[in-house]
C-alpha atoms as a PDB file:
ATOM      1  CA  MET A   1       7.955  12.773   4.836  1.00  0.00           C
ATOM      2  CA  ILE A   2       5.268  10.599   6.193  1.00  0.00           C
ATOM      3  CA  PHE A   3       0.989  10.360   6.185  1.00  0.00           C
ATOM      4  CA  THR A   4      -1.799   8.690   7.172  1.00  0.00           C
ATOM      5  CA  VAL A   5      -4.579   6.910   5.331  1.00  0.00           C
ATOM      6  CA  GLU A   6      -7.636   6.715   7.364  1.00  0.00           C
ATOM      7  CA  THR A   7      -9.016   2.785   6.774  1.00  0.00           C
ATOM      8  CA  SER A   8     -13.097   2.137   7.140  1.00  0.00           C
ATOM      9  CA  LYS A   9     -13.271  -1.079   7.173  1.00  0.00           C
ATOM     10  CA  SER A  10     -11.605  -4.724   8.210  1.00  0.00           C
ATOM     11  CA  GLN A  11     -10.660  -5.496   5.240  1.00  0.00           C
ATOM     12  CA  GLU A  12     -10.281  -2.818   1.908  1.00  0.00           C
ATOM     13  CA  VAL A  13      -8.449  -1.756  -0.949  1.00  0.00           C
ATOM     14  CA  VAL A  14      -8.088   1.469  -0.545  1.00  0.00           C
ATOM     15  CA  ASN A  15      -6.832   3.791  -3.485  1.00  0.00           C
ATOM     16  CA  ILE A  16      -3.872   5.779  -2.358  1.00  0.00           C
ATOM     17  CA  THR A  17      -2.815   6.758  -5.479  1.00  0.00           C
ATOM     18  CA  ASN A  18      -3.989  11.105  -5.379  1.00  0.00           C
ATOM     19  CA  LEU A  19      -2.699  11.602  -1.992  1.00  0.00           C
ATOM     20  CA  VAL A  20       0.475  10.182  -2.465  1.00  0.00           C
ATOM     21  CA  ARG A  21       0.923  12.471  -5.756  1.00  0.00           C
ATOM     22  CA  LEU A  22       0.183  14.711  -3.680  1.00  0.00           C
ATOM     23  CA  TYR A  23       2.417  14.469  -1.286  1.00  0.00           C
ATOM     24  CA  PHE A  24       5.164  13.710  -4.037  1.00  0.00           C
ATOM     25  CA  LYS A  25       4.953  16.753  -5.589  1.00  0.00           C
ATOM     26  CA  GLU A  26       5.335  18.532  -2.329  1.00  0.00           C
ATOM     27  CA  LEU A  27       8.608  16.486  -1.226  1.00  0.00           C
ATOM     28  CA  LEU A  28       9.491  16.708  -4.707  1.00  0.00           C
ATOM     29  CA  SER A  29       9.632  20.519  -5.015  1.00  0.00           C
ATOM     30  CA  SER A  30      11.653  20.586  -1.490  1.00  0.00           C
ATOM     31  CA  SER A  31      14.399  18.408  -3.576  1.00  0.00           C
ATOM     32  CA  ASN A  32      15.952  19.211  -6.490  1.00  0.00           C
ATOM     33  CA  MET A  33      15.706  15.806  -7.967  1.00  0.00           C
ATOM     34  CA  SER A  34      14.549  15.395 -11.383  1.00  0.00           C
ATOM     35  CA  GLU A  35      14.474  11.928 -11.724  1.00  0.00           C
ATOM     36  CA  GLY A  36      14.891   9.228  -8.875  1.00  0.00           C
ATOM     37  CA  PHE A  37      13.162   7.053  -7.348  1.00  0.00           C
ATOM     38  CA  LEU A  38       9.878   7.630  -4.801  1.00  0.00           C
ATOM     39  CA  VAL A  39      10.209   5.276  -2.386  1.00  0.00           C
ATOM     40  CA  LEU A  40       6.850   4.127   0.056  1.00  0.00           C
ATOM     41  CA  TYR A  41       6.868   2.605   3.128  1.00  0.00           C
ATOM     42  CA  ASN A  42       4.312   1.048   5.181  1.00  0.00           C
ATOM     43  CA  PRO A  43       5.183   0.268   8.680  1.00  0.00           C
ATOM     44  CA  HIS A  44       2.531  -2.594   9.537  1.00  0.00           C
ATOM     45  CA  THR A  45       1.663  -5.785  10.050  1.00  0.00           C
ATOM     46  CA  THR A  46      -1.280  -6.196   8.895  1.00  0.00           C
ATOM     47  CA  SER A  47      -1.623  -4.089   5.777  1.00  0.00           C
ATOM     48  CA  SER A  48       0.574  -3.880   3.145  1.00  0.00           C
ATOM     49  CA  LEU A  49       1.204  -1.714  -0.404  1.00  0.00           C
ATOM     50  CA  LEU A  50       0.387  -3.223  -3.872  1.00  0.00           C
ATOM     51  CA  ILE A  51       0.546  -1.476  -7.067  1.00  0.00           C
ATOM     52  CA  ASN A  52      -2.224  -3.235  -9.148  1.00  0.00           C
ATOM     53  CA  GLU A  53      -5.169  -2.396 -11.624  1.00  0.00           C
ATOM     54  CA  GLY A  54      -7.196   1.297 -10.658  1.00  0.00           C
ATOM     55  CA  SER A  55      -9.835   1.694 -12.988  1.00  0.00           C
ATOM     56  CA  ASP A  56     -11.840  -1.268 -11.934  1.00  0.00           C
ATOM     57  CA  ALA A  57     -12.776  -1.592  -8.370  1.00  0.00           C
ATOM     58  CA  SER A  58     -14.057  -4.789  -9.245  1.00  0.00           C
ATOM     59  CA  VAL A  59      -9.752  -6.280  -9.306  1.00  0.00           C
ATOM     60  CA  SER A  60     -10.297  -4.403  -5.315  1.00  0.00           C
ATOM     61  CA  LYS A  61     -13.315  -7.079  -4.748  1.00  0.00           C
ATOM     62  CA  ASP A  62     -11.868 -10.188  -6.159  1.00  0.00           C
ATOM     63  CA  LEU A  63      -8.548  -9.185  -4.457  1.00  0.00           C
ATOM     64  CA  ILE A  64     -10.454  -9.526  -1.317  1.00  0.00           C
ATOM     65  CA  ASN A  65     -12.721 -12.524  -1.786  1.00  0.00           C
ATOM     66  CA  THR A  66      -9.908 -14.276  -3.153  1.00  0.00           C
ATOM     67  CA  LEU A  67      -7.774 -14.128   0.032  1.00  0.00           C
ATOM     68  CA  ASN A  68     -10.720 -14.515   1.864  1.00  0.00           C
ATOM     69  CA  ARG A  69     -11.282 -17.736   0.074  1.00  0.00           C
ATOM     70  CA  LEU A  70      -7.457 -18.452   0.323  1.00  0.00           C
ATOM     71  CA  ILE A  71      -6.651 -17.294   4.104  1.00  0.00           C
ATOM     72  CA  PRO A  72      -9.747 -17.609   6.036  1.00  0.00           C
ATOM     73  CA  PHE A  73     -10.243 -15.502   9.263  1.00  0.00           C
ATOM     74  CA  HIS A  74     -10.474 -18.416  11.729  1.00  0.00           C
ATOM     75  CA  ASN A  75      -8.335 -21.742  10.625  1.00  0.00           C
ATOM     76  CA  ASN A  76      -7.401 -22.700  14.392  1.00  0.00           C
ATOM     77  CA  TYR A  77      -4.574 -19.729  14.117  1.00  0.00           C
ATOM     78  CA  PHE A  78      -2.278 -20.303  16.663  1.00  0.00           C
ATOM     79  CA  HIS A  79      -1.408 -16.744  16.811  1.00  0.00           C
ATOM     80  CA  ASP A  80      -5.507 -16.236  16.821  1.00  0.00           C
ATOM     81  CA  LYS A  81      -4.814 -16.936  20.731  1.00  0.00           C
ATOM     82  CA  VAL A  82      -2.283 -13.457  21.043  1.00  0.00           C
ATOM     83  CA  ASP A  83      -5.180 -11.208  19.736  1.00  0.00           C
ATOM     84  CA  ASN A  84      -7.471 -13.059  16.639  1.00  0.00           C
ATOM     85  CA  ASN A  85      -5.723 -11.579  14.282  1.00  0.00           C
ATOM     86  CA  ALA A  86      -3.219 -13.880  12.295  1.00  0.00           C
ATOM     87  CA  HIS A  87      -5.542 -13.882   8.731  1.00  0.00           C
ATOM     88  CA  ALA A  88      -4.273 -10.871   8.512  1.00  0.00           C
ATOM     89  CA  HIS A  89      -0.800 -10.852   9.283  1.00  0.00           C
ATOM     90  CA  LEU A  90      -0.980 -13.448   6.805  1.00  0.00           C
ATOM     91  CA  LYS A  91      -2.373 -12.116   4.078  1.00  0.00           C
ATOM     92  CA  SER A  92      -0.043  -9.040   4.595  1.00  0.00           C
ATOM     93  CA  SER A  93       2.523 -10.555   4.274  1.00  0.00           C
ATOM     94  CA  LEU A  94       2.032 -12.411   0.431  1.00  0.00           C
ATOM     95  CA  PHE A  95       2.255  -8.536  -0.459  1.00  0.00           C
ATOM     96  CA  ASN A  96       4.628  -5.941  -0.007  1.00  0.00           C
ATOM     97  CA  SER A  97       5.669  -3.576   2.528  1.00  0.00           C
ATOM     98  CA  ASN A  98       7.188  -1.123   0.433  1.00  0.00           C
ATOM     99  CA  LEU A  99       7.002  -0.181  -2.984  1.00  0.00           C
ATOM    100  CA  MET A 100       9.368   1.698  -5.252  1.00  0.00           C
ATOM    101  CA  ILE A 101       8.175   3.645  -8.327  1.00  0.00           C
ATOM    102  CA  PRO A 102      10.541   5.733 -10.911  1.00  0.00           C
ATOM    103  CA  PHE A 103      10.098   9.331 -11.397  1.00  0.00           C
ATOM    104  CA  SER A 104      10.624  11.459 -14.709  1.00  0.00           C
ATOM    105  CA  ASP A 105      10.132  14.809 -15.516  1.00  0.00           C
ATOM    106  CA  GLY A 106       8.256  15.156 -11.941  1.00  0.00           C
ATOM    107  CA  ARG A 107       5.753  12.824 -12.447  1.00  0.00           C
ATOM    108  CA  LEU A 108       5.515   9.202 -11.769  1.00  0.00           C
ATOM    109  CA  LEU A 109       6.012   6.640 -14.168  1.00  0.00           C
ATOM    110  CA  LEU A 110       3.052   4.558 -13.207  1.00  0.00           C
ATOM    111  CA  GLY A 111       1.885   2.133 -16.209  1.00  0.00           C
ATOM    112  CA  THR A 112      -1.561   3.630 -17.907  1.00  0.00           C
ATOM    113  CA  TRP A 113      -3.701   0.976 -15.927  1.00  0.00           C
ATOM    114  CA  GLN A 114      -1.523   1.450 -12.280  1.00  0.00           C
ATOM    115  CA  SER A 115      -2.862   2.670  -8.868  1.00  0.00           C
ATOM    116  CA  ILE A 116      -1.531   2.241  -6.316  1.00  0.00           C
ATOM    117  CA  PHE A 117      -3.132   0.757  -3.016  1.00  0.00           C
ATOM    118  CA  LEU A 118      -2.646   0.404   1.018  1.00  0.00           C
ATOM    119  CA  LEU A 119      -4.605  -3.173   1.837  1.00  0.00           C
ATOM    120  CA  GLU A 120      -5.982  -3.459   5.161  1.00  0.00           C
ATOM    121  CA  PHE A 121      -6.400  -6.229   6.455  1.00  0.00           C
ATOM    122  CA  ASP A 122      -6.932  -5.609  10.483  1.00  0.00           C
ATOM    123  CA  GLY A 123      -9.265  -2.421  10.090  1.00  0.00           C
ATOM    124  CA  PRO A 124     -10.507  -0.052  10.557  1.00  0.00           C
ATOM    125  CA  ARG A 125      -7.009   2.184  11.871  1.00  0.00           C
ATOM    126  CA  THR A 126      -5.031   4.900  10.897  1.00  0.00           C
ATOM    127  CA  ARG A 127      -1.983   3.402   8.918  1.00  0.00           C
ATOM    128  CA  LYS A 128       1.526   5.649   8.328  1.00  0.00           C
ATOM    129  CA  ILE A 129       3.029   5.638   4.747  1.00  0.00           C
ATOM    130  CA  TYR A 130       6.760   6.406   4.762  1.00  0.00           C
ATOM    131  CA  MET A 131       7.769   8.377   1.867  1.00  0.00           C
ATOM    132  CA  HIS A 132      11.243   9.278   0.055  1.00  0.00           C
ATOM    133  CA  LEU A 133      13.111  10.085  -2.954  1.00  0.00           C
ATOM    134  CA  VAL A 134      16.382   8.130  -3.619  1.00  0.00           C
ATOM    135  CA  PRO A 135      18.929   9.333  -7.052  1.00  0.00           C
ATOM    136  CA  TYR A 136      19.131   6.824 -10.087  1.00  0.00           C
ATOM    137  CA  THR A 137      22.818   5.583  -9.205  1.00  0.00           C
ATOM    138  CA  ILE A 138      24.986   3.590 -11.866  1.00  0.00           C
END
């Protein structure tokens, strides 16, 4: 299954937990699985996926602010001569392009404070997220 996320800023942290849960339920209903892993995959090189604190929006602000201090927008990057978004590639490389979340009895096994985020570093854009269910194997 594929779903899309519309971002609205050049850099932002988008909480996609509710969207993932919605599509997860749809995907789960068409399967015969009761437990396993939900795999999320982001096929983009200037955005990433992250599981982190979801109840305090200041965590997202702190994340973007810290990344901008560590990796400024323009710093004589070679790639900026190509398409001026080297900072976005560097920032996204610090995170994951995929996540694997266990599920059981029809629900994702996220921790109490955990949420799922799309990290946008070169927006606004429309981002695709691929979803797949994988059974537990021993």
